[in-house]
Amino acid sequence: MSLIFSFFVICFAFAIISEFGRRLAAKSSLEWWMILLFLLIAGIDPKLLRPLADFLGIQVISNLVLSGFTLFFLYQNINHATQILEQNRKFRNFVSSLAKNQFVITNEAC
């Protein structure tokens, strides 16, 4: 493993570990640990990924790593979008209930 790549992996690992509980939710920590392990395996000895690449029909291991990270970030993007959608739904329900209560109070006053 080259010195530059080793430095990158160590910095990435510290960044991921330091963000648990702050920006990274604890419920997604297993996913980030798995991606960190995948990165370490790919960096230390890429030949260990050869059986997985052969099983998936991928000929070059770097393409497997690239596609793995692409799919992981796509998964994270979809997961984030569903969380935002859920928050928006809760906010709409809250505003609707406030408007309903205000409408009832205004109509009773008349």
PDB file of N, CA and C in Angstrom:
ATOM      1  N   MET A   1       0.855  -1.165   0.000  1.00  0.00           N
ATOM      2  CA  MET A   1       0.000   0.000   0.000  1.00  0.00           C
ATOM      3  C   MET A   1       0.903   1.231   0.000  1.00  0.00           C
ATOM      4  N   SER A   2       0.596   2.178  -0.859  1.00  0.00           N
ATOM      5  CA  SER A   2       1.442   3.362  -0.970  1.00  0.00           C
ATOM      6  C   SER A   2       1.244   4.279   0.235  1.00  0.00           C
ATOM      7  N   LEU A   3       2.189   5.150   0.452  1.00  0.00           N
ATOM      8  CA  LEU A   3       2.164   6.057   1.583  1.00  0.00           C
ATOM      9  C   LEU A   3       1.020   7.057   1.466  1.00  0.00           C
ATOM     10  N   ILE A   4       0.789   7.545   0.280  1.00  0.00           N
ATOM     11  CA  ILE A   4      -0.293   8.519   0.064  1.00  0.00           C
ATOM     12  C   ILE A   4      -1.650   7.865   0.319  1.00  0.00           C
ATOM     13  N   PHE A   5      -1.838   6.666  -0.189  1.00  0.00           N
ATOM     14  CA  PHE A   5      -3.105   5.974   0.020  1.00  0.00           C
ATOM     15  C   PHE A   5      -3.303   5.617   1.492  1.00  0.00           C
ATOM     16  N   SER A   6      -2.224   5.226   2.157  1.00  0.00           N
ATOM     17  CA  SER A   6      -2.305   4.933   3.589  1.00  0.00           C
ATOM     18  C   SER A   6      -2.731   6.167   4.368  1.00  0.00           C
ATOM     19  N   PHE A   7      -2.165   7.306   4.035  1.00  0.00           N
ATOM     20  CA  PHE A   7      -2.539   8.560   4.681  1.00  0.00           C
ATOM     21  C   PHE A   7      -4.011   8.874   4.433  1.00  0.00           C
ATOM     22  N   PHE A   8      -4.470   8.676   3.201  1.00  0.00           N
ATOM     23  CA  PHE A   8      -5.870   8.924   2.863  1.00  0.00           C
ATOM     24  C   PHE A   8      -6.790   8.010   3.667  1.00  0.00           C
ATOM     25  N   VAL A   9      -6.461   6.745   3.771  1.00  0.00           N
ATOM     26  CA  VAL A   9      -7.296   5.786   4.494  1.00  0.00           C
ATOM     27  C   VAL A   9      -7.352   6.135   5.980  1.00  0.00           C
ATOM     28  N   ILE A  10      -6.214   6.501   6.560  1.00  0.00           N
ATOM     29  CA  ILE A  10      -6.179   6.860   7.974  1.00  0.00           C
ATOM     30  C   ILE A  10      -6.987   8.128   8.228  1.00  0.00           C
ATOM     31  N   CYS A  11      -6.850   9.131   7.363  1.00  0.00           N
ATOM     32  CA  CYS A  11      -7.640  10.360   7.511  1.00  0.00           C
ATOM     33  C   CYS A  11      -9.134  10.076   7.354  1.00  0.00           C
ATOM     34  N   PHE A  12      -9.483   9.241   6.395  1.00  0.00           N
ATOM     35  CA  PHE A  12     -10.890   8.876   6.190  1.00  0.00           C
ATOM     36  C   PHE A  12     -11.444   8.143   7.408  1.00  0.00           C
ATOM     37  N   ALA A  13     -10.657   7.236   7.968  1.00  0.00           N
ATOM     38  CA  ALA A  13     -11.095   6.488   9.143  1.00  0.00           C
ATOM     39  C   ALA A  13     -11.308   7.426  10.330  1.00  0.00           C
ATOM     40  N   PHE A  14     -10.384   8.333  10.574  1.00  0.00           N
ATOM     41  CA  PHE A  14     -10.550   9.281  11.678  1.00  0.00           C
ATOM     42  C   PHE A  14     -11.736  10.206  11.447  1.00  0.00           C
ATOM     43  N   ALA A  15     -11.947  10.622  10.200  1.00  0.00           N
ATOM     44  CA  ALA A  15     -13.092  11.490   9.907  1.00  0.00           C
ATOM     45  C   ALA A  15     -14.405  10.764  10.163  1.00  0.00           C
ATOM     46  N   ILE A  16     -14.497   9.521   9.752  1.00  0.00           N
ATOM     47  CA  ILE A  16     -15.718   8.740   9.964  1.00  0.00           C
ATOM     48  C   ILE A  16     -15.952   8.497  11.447  1.00  0.00           C
ATOM     49  N   ILE A  17     -14.934   8.083  12.156  1.00  0.00           N
ATOM     50  CA  ILE A  17     -15.076   7.781  13.583  1.00  0.00           C
ATOM     51  C   ILE A  17     -15.431   9.044  14.369  1.00  0.00           C
ATOM     52  N   SER A  18     -14.856  10.178  14.005  1.00  0.00           N
ATOM     53  CA  SER A  18     -15.130  11.415  14.745  1.00  0.00           C
ATOM     54  C   SER A  18     -16.530  11.956  14.492  1.00  0.00           C
ATOM     55  N   GLU A  19     -17.160  11.561  13.395  1.00  0.00           N
ATOM     56  CA  GLU A  19     -18.485  12.081  13.064  1.00  0.00           C
ATOM     57  C   GLU A  19     -19.630  11.231  13.611  1.00  0.00           C
ATOM     58  N   PHE A  20     -19.338  10.066  14.201  1.00  0.00           N
ATOM     59  CA  PHE A  20     -20.400   9.252  14.784  1.00  0.00           C
ATOM     60  C   PHE A  20     -21.047  10.024  15.922  1.00  0.00           C
ATOM     61  N   GLY A  21     -22.357  10.111  15.898  1.00  0.00           N
ATOM     62  CA  GLY A  21     -23.092  10.812  16.939  1.00  0.00           C
ATOM     63  C   GLY A  21     -23.282  12.286  16.659  1.00  0.00           C
ATOM     64  N   ARG A  22     -22.569  12.838  15.709  1.00  0.00           N
ATOM     65  CA  ARG A  22     -22.768  14.235  15.339  1.00  0.00           C
ATOM     66  C   ARG A  22     -23.485  14.302  13.993  1.00  0.00           C
ATOM     67  N   ARG A  23     -22.744  14.270  12.924  1.00  0.00           N
ATOM     68  CA  ARG A  23     -23.357  14.323  11.596  1.00  0.00           C
ATOM     69  C   ARG A  23     -23.841  12.961  11.126  1.00  0.00           C
ATOM     70  N   LEU A  24     -23.165  11.925  11.543  1.00  0.00           N
ATOM     71  CA  LEU A  24     -23.561  10.572  11.159  1.00  0.00           C
ATOM     72  C   LEU A  24     -24.403   9.969  12.270  1.00  0.00           C
ATOM     73  N   ALA A  25     -25.609   9.563  11.919  1.00  0.00           N
ATOM     74  CA  ALA A  25     -26.485   8.970  12.916  1.00  0.00           C
ATOM     75  C   ALA A  25     -25.937   7.627  13.357  1.00  0.00           C
ATOM     76  N   ALA A  26     -26.207   7.293  14.602  1.00  0.00           N
ATOM     77  CA  ALA A  26     -25.715   6.028  15.134  1.00  0.00           C
ATOM     78  C   ALA A  26     -26.339   4.842  14.413  1.00  0.00           C
ATOM     79  N   LYS A  27     -27.552   5.025  13.878  1.00  0.00           N
ATOM     80  CA  LYS A  27     -28.198   3.898  13.194  1.00  0.00           C
ATOM     81  C   LYS A  27     -27.512   3.555  11.872  1.00  0.00           C
ATOM     82  N   SER A  28     -26.728   4.466  11.308  1.00  0.00           N
ATOM     83  CA  SER A  28     -26.019   4.158  10.061  1.00  0.00           C
ATOM     84  C   SER A  28     -24.540   3.867  10.292  1.00  0.00           C
ATOM     85  N   SER A  29     -24.142   3.698  11.546  1.00  0.00           N
ATOM     86  CA  SER A  29     -22.716   3.475  11.827  1.00  0.00           C
ATOM     87  C   SER A  29     -22.223   2.147  11.256  1.00  0.00           C
ATOM     88  N   LEU A  30     -23.073   1.125  11.261  1.00  0.00           N
ATOM     89  CA  LEU A  30     -22.657  -0.161  10.709  1.00  0.00           C
ATOM     90  C   LEU A  30     -22.325  -0.043   9.221  1.00  0.00           C
ATOM     91  N   GLU A  31     -23.115   0.735   8.505  1.00  0.00           N
ATOM     92  CA  GLU A  31     -22.858   0.925   7.072  1.00  0.00           C
ATOM     93  C   GLU A  31     -21.506   1.594   6.849  1.00  0.00           C
ATOM     94  N   TRP A  32     -21.196   2.602   7.663  1.00  0.00           N
ATOM     95  CA  TRP A  32     -19.929   3.305   7.501  1.00  0.00           C
ATOM     96  C   TRP A  32     -18.751   2.439   7.928  1.00  0.00           C
ATOM     97  N   TRP A  33     -18.934   1.596   8.942  1.00  0.00           N
ATOM     98  CA  TRP A  33     -17.876   0.661   9.322  1.00  0.00           C
ATOM     99  C   TRP A  33     -17.624  -0.335   8.191  1.00  0.00           C
ATOM    100  N   MET A  34     -18.707  -0.789   7.540  1.00  0.00           N
ATOM    101  CA  MET A  34     -18.549  -1.740   6.442  1.00  0.00           C
ATOM    102  C   MET A  34     -17.814  -1.094   5.259  1.00  0.00           C
ATOM    103  N   ILE A  35     -18.139   0.156   4.946  1.00  0.00           N
ATOM    104  CA  ILE A  35     -17.474   0.818   3.825  1.00  0.00           C
ATOM    105  C   ILE A  35     -16.002   1.087   4.170  1.00  0.00           C
ATOM    106  N   LEU A  36     -15.720   1.375   5.438  1.00  0.00           N
ATOM    107  CA  LEU A  36     -14.341   1.561   5.866  1.00  0.00           C
ATOM    108  C   LEU A  36     -13.564   0.250   5.768  1.00  0.00           C
ATOM    109  N   LEU A  37     -14.181  -0.847   6.172  1.00  0.00           N
ATOM    110  CA  LEU A  37     -13.550  -2.161   6.044  1.00  0.00           C
ATOM    111  C   LEU A  37     -13.312  -2.511   4.576  1.00  0.00           C
ATOM    112  N   PHE A  38     -14.286  -2.217   3.720  1.00  0.00           N
ATOM    113  CA  PHE A  38     -14.143  -2.452   2.283  1.00  0.00           C
ATOM    114  C   PHE A  38     -12.974  -1.649   1.719  1.00  0.00           C
ATOM    115  N   LEU A  39     -12.847  -0.396   2.159  1.00  0.00           N
ATOM    116  CA  LEU A  39     -11.748   0.449   1.700  1.00  0.00           C
ATOM    117  C   LEU A  39     -10.407  -0.093   2.185  1.00  0.00           C
ATOM    118  N   LEU A  40     -10.356  -0.545   3.419  1.00  0.00           N
ATOM    119  CA  LEU A  40      -9.110  -1.101   3.936  1.00  0.00           C
ATOM    120  C   LEU A  40      -8.707  -2.371   3.189  1.00  0.00           C
ATOM    121  N   ILE A  41      -9.670  -3.243   2.941  1.00  0.00           N
ATOM    122  CA  ILE A  41      -9.364  -4.468   2.192  1.00  0.00           C
ATOM    123  C   ILE A  41      -8.888  -4.129   0.787  1.00  0.00           C
ATOM    124  N   ALA A  42      -9.573  -3.179   0.146  1.00  0.00           N
ATOM    125  CA  ALA A  42      -9.185  -2.786  -1.214  1.00  0.00           C
ATOM    126  C   ALA A  42      -7.812  -2.136  -1.229  1.00  0.00           C
ATOM    127  N   GLY A  43      -7.467  -1.436  -0.163  1.00  0.00           N
ATOM    128  CA  GLY A  43      -6.178  -0.759  -0.117  1.00  0.00           C
ATOM    129  C   GLY A  43      -5.030  -1.662   0.273  1.00  0.00           C
ATOM    130  N   ILE A  44      -5.263  -2.556   1.216  1.00  0.00           N
ATOM    131  CA  ILE A  44      -4.176  -3.413   1.705  1.00  0.00           C
ATOM    132  C   ILE A  44      -3.885  -4.539   0.727  1.00  0.00           C
ATOM    133  N   ASP A  45      -4.906  -5.289   0.345  1.00  0.00           N
ATOM    134  CA  ASP A  45      -4.693  -6.410  -0.568  1.00  0.00           C
ATOM    135  C   ASP A  45      -5.910  -6.565  -1.476  1.00  0.00           C
ATOM    136  N   PRO A  46      -5.913  -5.911  -2.622  1.00  0.00           N
ATOM    137  CA  PRO A  46      -7.069  -5.972  -3.513  1.00  0.00           C
ATOM    138  C   PRO A  46      -7.370  -7.384  -4.022  1.00  0.00           C
ATOM    139  N   LYS A  47      -6.374  -8.268  -3.968  1.00  0.00           N
ATOM    140  CA  LYS A  47      -6.607  -9.639  -4.446  1.00  0.00           C
ATOM    141  C   LYS A  47      -7.641 -10.374  -3.602  1.00  0.00           C
ATOM    142  N   LEU A  48      -7.862  -9.898  -2.378  1.00  0.00           N
ATOM    143  CA  LEU A  48      -8.879 -10.515  -1.530  1.00  0.00           C
ATOM    144  C   LEU A  48     -10.299 -10.300  -2.079  1.00  0.00           C
ATOM    145  N   LEU A  49     -10.455  -9.274  -2.911  1.00  0.00           N
ATOM    146  CA  LEU A  49     -11.760  -8.986  -3.513  1.00  0.00           C
ATOM    147  C   LEU A  49     -11.970  -9.726  -4.835  1.00  0.00           C
ATOM    148  N   ARG A  50     -10.978 -10.467  -5.291  1.00  0.00           N
ATOM    149  CA  ARG A  50     -11.072 -11.174  -6.567  1.00  0.00           C
ATOM    150  C   ARG A  50     -12.243 -12.158  -6.610  1.00  0.00           C
ATOM    151  N   PRO A  51     -12.503 -12.972  -5.571  1.00  0.00           N
ATOM    152  CA  PRO A  51     -13.655 -13.884  -5.648  1.00  0.00           C
ATOM    153  C   PRO A  51     -14.989 -13.148  -5.782  1.00  0.00           C
ATOM    154  N   LEU A  52     -15.123 -12.026  -5.089  1.00  0.00           N
ATOM    155  CA  LEU A  52     -16.357 -11.236  -5.203  1.00  0.00           C
ATOM    156  C   LEU A  52     -16.489 -10.643  -6.600  1.00  0.00           C
ATOM    157  N   ALA A  53     -15.378 -10.148  -7.147  1.00  0.00           N
ATOM    158  CA  ALA A  53     -15.403  -9.586  -8.499  1.00  0.00           C
ATOM    159  C   ALA A  53     -15.745 -10.659  -9.527  1.00  0.00           C
ATOM    160  N   ASP A  54     -15.176 -11.838  -9.359  1.00  0.00           N
ATOM    161  CA  ASP A  54     -15.480 -12.935 -10.282  1.00  0.00           C
ATOM    162  C   ASP A  54     -16.939 -13.354 -10.176  1.00  0.00           C
ATOM    163  N   PHE A  55     -17.452 -13.401  -8.961  1.00  0.00           N
ATOM    164  CA  PHE A  55     -18.858 -13.779  -8.754  1.00  0.00           C
ATOM    165  C   PHE A  55     -19.802 -12.778  -9.423  1.00  0.00           C
ATOM    166  N   LEU A  56     -19.456 -11.487  -9.356  1.00  0.00           N
ATOM    167  CA  LEU A  56     -20.302 -10.448  -9.951  1.00  0.00           C
ATOM    168  C   LEU A  56     -20.027 -10.237 -11.433  1.00  0.00           C
ATOM    169  N   GLY A  57     -19.014 -10.894 -11.970  1.00  0.00           N
ATOM    170  CA  GLY A  57     -18.698 -10.772 -13.386  1.00  0.00           C
ATOM    171  C   GLY A  57     -17.900  -9.529 -13.718  1.00  0.00           C
ATOM    172  N   ILE A  58     -17.233  -8.969 -12.740  1.00  0.00           N
ATOM    173  CA  ILE A  58     -16.414  -7.775 -12.947  1.00  0.00           C
ATOM    174  C   ILE A  58     -14.970  -8.226 -13.118  1.00  0.00           C
ATOM    175  N   GLN A  59     -14.315  -7.735 -14.177  1.00  0.00           N
ATOM    176  CA  GLN A  59     -12.979  -8.221 -14.481  1.00  0.00           C
ATOM    177  C   GLN A  59     -11.874  -7.453 -13.776  1.00  0.00           C
ATOM    178  N   VAL A  60     -12.097  -6.172 -13.513  1.00  0.00           N
ATOM    179  CA  VAL A  60     -11.061  -5.346 -12.892  1.00  0.00           C
ATOM    180  C   VAL A  60     -11.519  -4.977 -11.482  1.00  0.00           C
ATOM    181  N   ILE A  61     -10.675  -5.194 -10.498  1.00  0.00           N
ATOM    182  CA  ILE A  61     -11.054  -4.965  -9.108  1.00  0.00           C
ATOM    183  C   ILE A  61     -11.323  -3.487  -8.840  1.00  0.00           C
ATOM    184  N   SER A  62     -10.616  -2.595  -9.499  1.00  0.00           N
ATOM    185  CA  SER A  62     -10.860  -1.166  -9.292  1.00  0.00           C
ATOM    186  C   SER A  62     -12.268  -0.784  -9.745  1.00  0.00           C
ATOM    187  N   ASN A  63     -12.787  -1.456 -10.766  1.00  0.00           N
ATOM    188  CA  ASN A  63     -14.169  -1.207 -11.171  1.00  0.00           C
ATOM    189  C   ASN A  63     -15.151  -1.683 -10.103  1.00  0.00           C
ATOM    190  N   LEU A  64     -14.808  -2.771  -9.427  1.00  0.00           N
ATOM    191  CA  LEU A  64     -15.633  -3.247  -8.320  1.00  0.00           C
ATOM    192  C   LEU A  64     -15.648  -2.227  -7.188  1.00  0.00           C
ATOM    193  N   VAL A  65     -14.493  -1.685  -6.859  1.00  0.00           N
ATOM    194  CA  VAL A  65     -14.410  -0.689  -5.784  1.00  0.00           C
ATOM    195  C   VAL A  65     -15.186   0.568  -6.166  1.00  0.00           C
ATOM    196  N   LEU A  66     -15.007   1.033  -7.393  1.00  0.00           N
ATOM    197  CA  LEU A  66     -15.728   2.220  -7.852  1.00  0.00           C
ATOM    198  C   LEU A  66     -17.229   1.992  -7.847  1.00  0.00           C
ATOM    199  N   SER A  67     -17.672   0.867  -8.342  1.00  0.00           N
ATOM    200  CA  SER A  67     -19.115   0.597  -8.360  1.00  0.00           C
ATOM    201  C   SER A  67     -19.652   0.405  -6.949  1.00  0.00           C
ATOM    202  N   GLY A  68     -18.858  -0.182  -6.061  1.00  0.00           N
ATOM    203  CA  GLY A  68     -19.288  -0.334  -4.670  1.00  0.00           C
ATOM    204  C   GLY A  68     -19.491   1.000  -3.993  1.00  0.00           C
ATOM    205  N   PHE A  69     -18.557   1.908  -4.169  1.00  0.00           N
ATOM    206  CA  PHE A  69     -18.705   3.234  -3.578  1.00  0.00           C
ATOM    207  C   PHE A  69     -19.839   4.019  -4.223  1.00  0.00           C
ATOM    208  N   THR A  70     -20.004   3.875  -5.530  1.00  0.00           N
ATOM    209  CA  THR A  70     -21.104   4.564  -6.210  1.00  0.00           C
ATOM    210  C   THR A  70     -22.451   4.077  -5.691  1.00  0.00           C
ATOM    211  N   LEU A  71     -22.606   2.776  -5.553  1.00  0.00           N
ATOM    212  CA  LEU A  71     -23.861   2.243  -5.025  1.00  0.00           C
ATOM    213  C   LEU A  71     -24.072   2.631  -3.570  1.00  0.00           C
ATOM    214  N   PHE A  72     -23.009   2.682  -2.787  1.00  0.00           N
ATOM    215  CA  PHE A  72     -23.141   3.092  -1.391  1.00  0.00           C
ATOM    216  C   PHE A  72     -23.615   4.537  -1.289  1.00  0.00           C
ATOM    217  N   PHE A  73     -23.019   5.420  -2.070  1.00  0.00           N
ATOM    218  CA  PHE A  73     -23.436   6.819  -1.997  1.00  0.00           C
ATOM    219  C   PHE A  73     -24.824   7.023  -2.591  1.00  0.00           C
ATOM    220  N   LEU A  74     -25.199   6.229  -3.564  1.00  0.00           N
ATOM    221  CA  LEU A  74     -26.577   6.271  -4.065  1.00  0.00           C
ATOM    222  C   LEU A  74     -27.546   5.837  -2.966  1.00  0.00           C
ATOM    223  N   TYR A  75     -27.197   4.775  -2.249  1.00  0.00           N
ATOM    224  CA  TYR A  75     -28.013   4.313  -1.125  1.00  0.00           C
ATOM    225  C   TYR A  75     -28.131   5.395  -0.051  1.00  0.00           C
ATOM    226  N   GLN A  76     -27.014   6.053   0.264  1.00  0.00           N
ATOM    227  CA  GLN A  76     -27.044   7.117   1.265  1.00  0.00           C
ATOM    228  C   GLN A  76     -27.918   8.284   0.806  1.00  0.00           C
ATOM    229  N   ASN A  77     -27.863   8.604  -0.472  1.00  0.00           N
ATOM    230  CA  ASN A  77     -28.673   9.697  -1.010  1.00  0.00           C
ATOM    231  C   ASN A  77     -30.160   9.365  -0.914  1.00  0.00           C
ATOM    232  N   ILE A  78     -30.538   8.150  -1.250  1.00  0.00           N
ATOM    233  CA  ILE A  78     -31.937   7.733  -1.158  1.00  0.00           C
ATOM    234  C   ILE A  78     -32.387   7.715   0.297  1.00  0.00           C
ATOM    235  N   ASN A  79     -31.550   7.234   1.186  1.00  0.00           N
ATOM    236  CA  ASN A  79     -31.870   7.200   2.605  1.00  0.00           C
ATOM    237  C   ASN A  79     -32.073   8.612   3.149  1.00  0.00           C
ATOM    238  N   HIS A  80     -31.219   9.532   2.755  1.00  0.00           N
ATOM    239  CA  HIS A  80     -31.341  10.925   3.190  1.00  0.00           C
ATOM    240  C   HIS A  80     -32.617  11.555   2.640  1.00  0.00           C
ATOM    241  N   ALA A  81     -32.944  11.259   1.396  1.00  0.00           N
ATOM    242  CA  ALA A  81     -34.161  11.816   0.796  1.00  0.00           C
ATOM    243  C   ALA A  81     -35.411  11.307   1.512  1.00  0.00           C
ATOM    244  N   THR A  82     -35.426  10.052   1.924  1.00  0.00           N
ATOM    245  CA  THR A  82     -36.591   9.535   2.647  1.00  0.00           C
ATOM    246  C   THR A  82     -36.696  10.165   4.029  1.00  0.00           C
ATOM    247  N   GLN A  83     -35.582  10.451   4.678  1.00  0.00           N
ATOM    248  CA  GLN A  83     -35.633  11.126   5.967  1.00  0.00           C
ATOM    249  C   GLN A  83     -36.175  12.543   5.823  1.00  0.00           C
ATOM    250  N   ILE A  84     -35.755  13.244   4.787  1.00  0.00           N
ATOM    251  CA  ILE A  84     -36.258  14.597   4.554  1.00  0.00           C
ATOM    252  C   ILE A  84     -37.746  14.564   4.235  1.00  0.00           C
ATOM    253  N   LEU A  85     -38.172  13.580   3.443  1.00  0.00           N
ATOM    254  CA  LEU A  85     -39.581  13.446   3.117  1.00  0.00           C
ATOM    255  C   LEU A  85     -40.408  13.212   4.377  1.00  0.00           C
ATOM    256  N   GLU A  86     -39.900  12.385   5.274  1.00  0.00           N
ATOM    257  CA  GLU A  86     -40.605  12.113   6.528  1.00  0.00           C
ATOM    258  C   GLU A  86     -40.697  13.376   7.393  1.00  0.00           C
ATOM    259  N   GLN A  87     -39.622  14.153   7.451  1.00  0.00           N
ATOM    260  CA  GLN A  87     -39.648  15.401   8.205  1.00  0.00           C
ATOM    261  C   GLN A  87     -40.615  16.398   7.593  1.00  0.00           C
ATOM    262  N   ASN A  88     -40.650  16.480   6.265  1.00  0.00           N
ATOM    263  CA  ASN A  88     -41.591  17.385   5.598  1.00  0.00           C
ATOM    264  C   ASN A  88     -43.033  16.979   5.867  1.00  0.00           C
ATOM    265  N   ARG A  89     -43.305  15.684   5.868  1.00  0.00           N
ATOM    266  CA  ARG A  89     -44.649  15.195   6.144  1.00  0.00           C
ATOM    267  C   ARG A  89     -45.072  15.560   7.568  1.00  0.00           C
ATOM    268  N   LYS A  90     -44.179  15.386   8.525  1.00  0.00           N
ATOM    269  CA  LYS A  90     -44.489  15.758   9.905  1.00  0.00           C
ATOM    270  C   LYS A  90     -44.745  17.251  10.030  1.00  0.00           C
ATOM    271  N   PHE A  91     -43.939  18.051   9.341  1.00  0.00           N
ATOM    272  CA  PHE A  91     -44.131  19.504   9.398  1.00  0.00           C
ATOM    273  C   PHE A  91     -45.458  19.909   8.766  1.00  0.00           C
ATOM    274  N   ARG A  92     -45.829  19.293   7.640  1.00  0.00           N
ATOM    275  CA  ARG A  92     -47.123  19.598   7.009  1.00  0.00           C
ATOM    276  C   ARG A  92     -48.277  19.224   7.923  1.00  0.00           C
ATOM    277  N   ASN A  93     -48.175  18.077   8.588  1.00  0.00           N
ATOM    278  CA  ASN A  93     -49.230  17.678   9.519  1.00  0.00           C
ATOM    279  C   ASN A  93     -49.330  18.654  10.687  1.00  0.00           C
ATOM    280  N   PHE A  94     -48.196  19.137  11.178  1.00  0.00           N
ATOM    281  CA  PHE A  94     -48.191  20.099  12.264  1.00  0.00           C
ATOM    282  C   PHE A  94     -48.848  21.404  11.833  1.00  0.00           C
ATOM    283  N   VAL A  95     -48.476  21.915  10.659  1.00  0.00           N
ATOM    284  CA  VAL A  95     -49.060  23.172  10.165  1.00  0.00           C
ATOM    285  C   VAL A  95     -50.548  22.993   9.897  1.00  0.00           C
ATOM    286  N   SER A  96     -50.942  21.856   9.366  1.00  0.00           N
ATOM    287  CA  SER A  96     -52.361  21.600   9.109  1.00  0.00           C
ATOM    288  C   SER A  96     -53.160  21.552  10.403  1.00  0.00           C
ATOM    289  N   SER A  97     -52.612  20.941  11.427  1.00  0.00           N
ATOM    290  CA  SER A  97     -53.335  20.886  12.700  1.00  0.00           C
ATOM    291  C   SER A  97     -53.426  22.269  13.335  1.00  0.00           C
ATOM    292  N   LEU A  98     -52.390  23.084  13.209  1.00  0.00           N
ATOM    293  CA  LEU A  98     -52.471  24.457  13.715  1.00  0.00           C
ATOM    294  C   LEU A  98     -53.525  25.257  12.956  1.00  0.00           C
ATOM    295  N   ALA A  99     -53.548  25.107  11.643  1.00  0.00           N
ATOM    296  CA  ALA A  99     -54.533  25.824  10.833  1.00  0.00           C
ATOM    297  C   ALA A  99     -55.943  25.355  11.165  1.00  0.00           C
ATOM    298  N   LYS A 100     -56.115  24.062  11.383  1.00  0.00           N
ATOM    299  CA  LYS A 100     -57.428  23.525  11.738  1.00  0.00           C
ATOM    300  C   LYS A 100     -57.898  24.079  13.081  1.00  0.00           C
ATOM    301  N   ASN A 101     -57.003  24.108  14.056  1.00  0.00           N
ATOM    302  CA  ASN A 101     -57.358  24.634  15.372  1.00  0.00           C
ATOM    303  C   ASN A 101     -57.675  26.119  15.306  1.00  0.00           C
ATOM    304  N   GLN A 102     -56.927  26.874  14.533  1.00  0.00           N
ATOM    305  CA  GLN A 102     -57.184  28.310  14.373  1.00  0.00           C
ATOM    306  C   GLN A 102     -58.517  28.537  13.678  1.00  0.00           C
ATOM    307  N   PHE A 103     -58.831  27.712  12.683  1.00  0.00           N
ATOM    308  CA  PHE A 103     -60.106  27.838  11.950  1.00  0.00           C
ATOM    309  C   PHE A 103     -61.268  27.550  12.875  1.00  0.00           C
ATOM    310  N   VAL A 104     -61.158  26.542  13.725  1.00  0.00           N
ATOM    311  CA  VAL A 104     -62.231  26.209  14.652  1.00  0.00           C
ATOM    312  C   VAL A 104     -62.433  27.325  15.668  1.00  0.00           C
ATOM    313  N   ILE A 105     -61.373  27.892  16.183  1.00  0.00           N
ATOM    314  CA  ILE A 105     -61.463  28.979  17.158  1.00  0.00           C
ATOM    315  C   ILE A 105     -62.086  30.207  16.511  1.00  0.00           C
ATOM    316  N   THR A 106     -61.702  30.520  15.284  1.00  0.00           N
ATOM    317  CA  THR A 106     -62.240  31.696  14.587  1.00  0.00           C
ATOM    318  C   THR A 106     -63.714  31.513  14.296  1.00  0.00           C
ATOM    319  N   ASN A 107     -64.151  30.346  13.886  1.00  0.00           N
ATOM    320  CA  ASN A 107     -65.576  30.102  13.565  1.00  0.00           C
ATOM    321  C   ASN A 107     -66.432  30.090  14.821  1.00  0.00           C
ATOM    322  N   GLU A 108     -65.907  29.647  15.943  1.00  0.00           N
ATOM    323  CA  GLU A 108     -66.690  29.633  17.181  1.00  0.00           C
ATOM    324  C   GLU A 108     -66.889  31.048  17.697  1.00  0.00           C
ATOM    325  N   ALA A 109     -65.965  31.948  17.432  1.00  0.00           N
ATOM    326  CA  ALA A 109     -66.061  33.331  17.896  1.00  0.00           C
ATOM    327  C   ALA A 109     -67.156  34.088  17.152  1.00  0.00           C
ATOM    328  N   CYS A 110     -67.491  33.674  15.928  1.00  0.00           N
ATOM    329  CA  CYS A 110     -68.490  34.369  15.130  1.00  0.00           C
ATOM    330  C   CYS A 110     -69.841  33.987  15.574  1.00  0.00           C
TER     331      CYS A 110
END
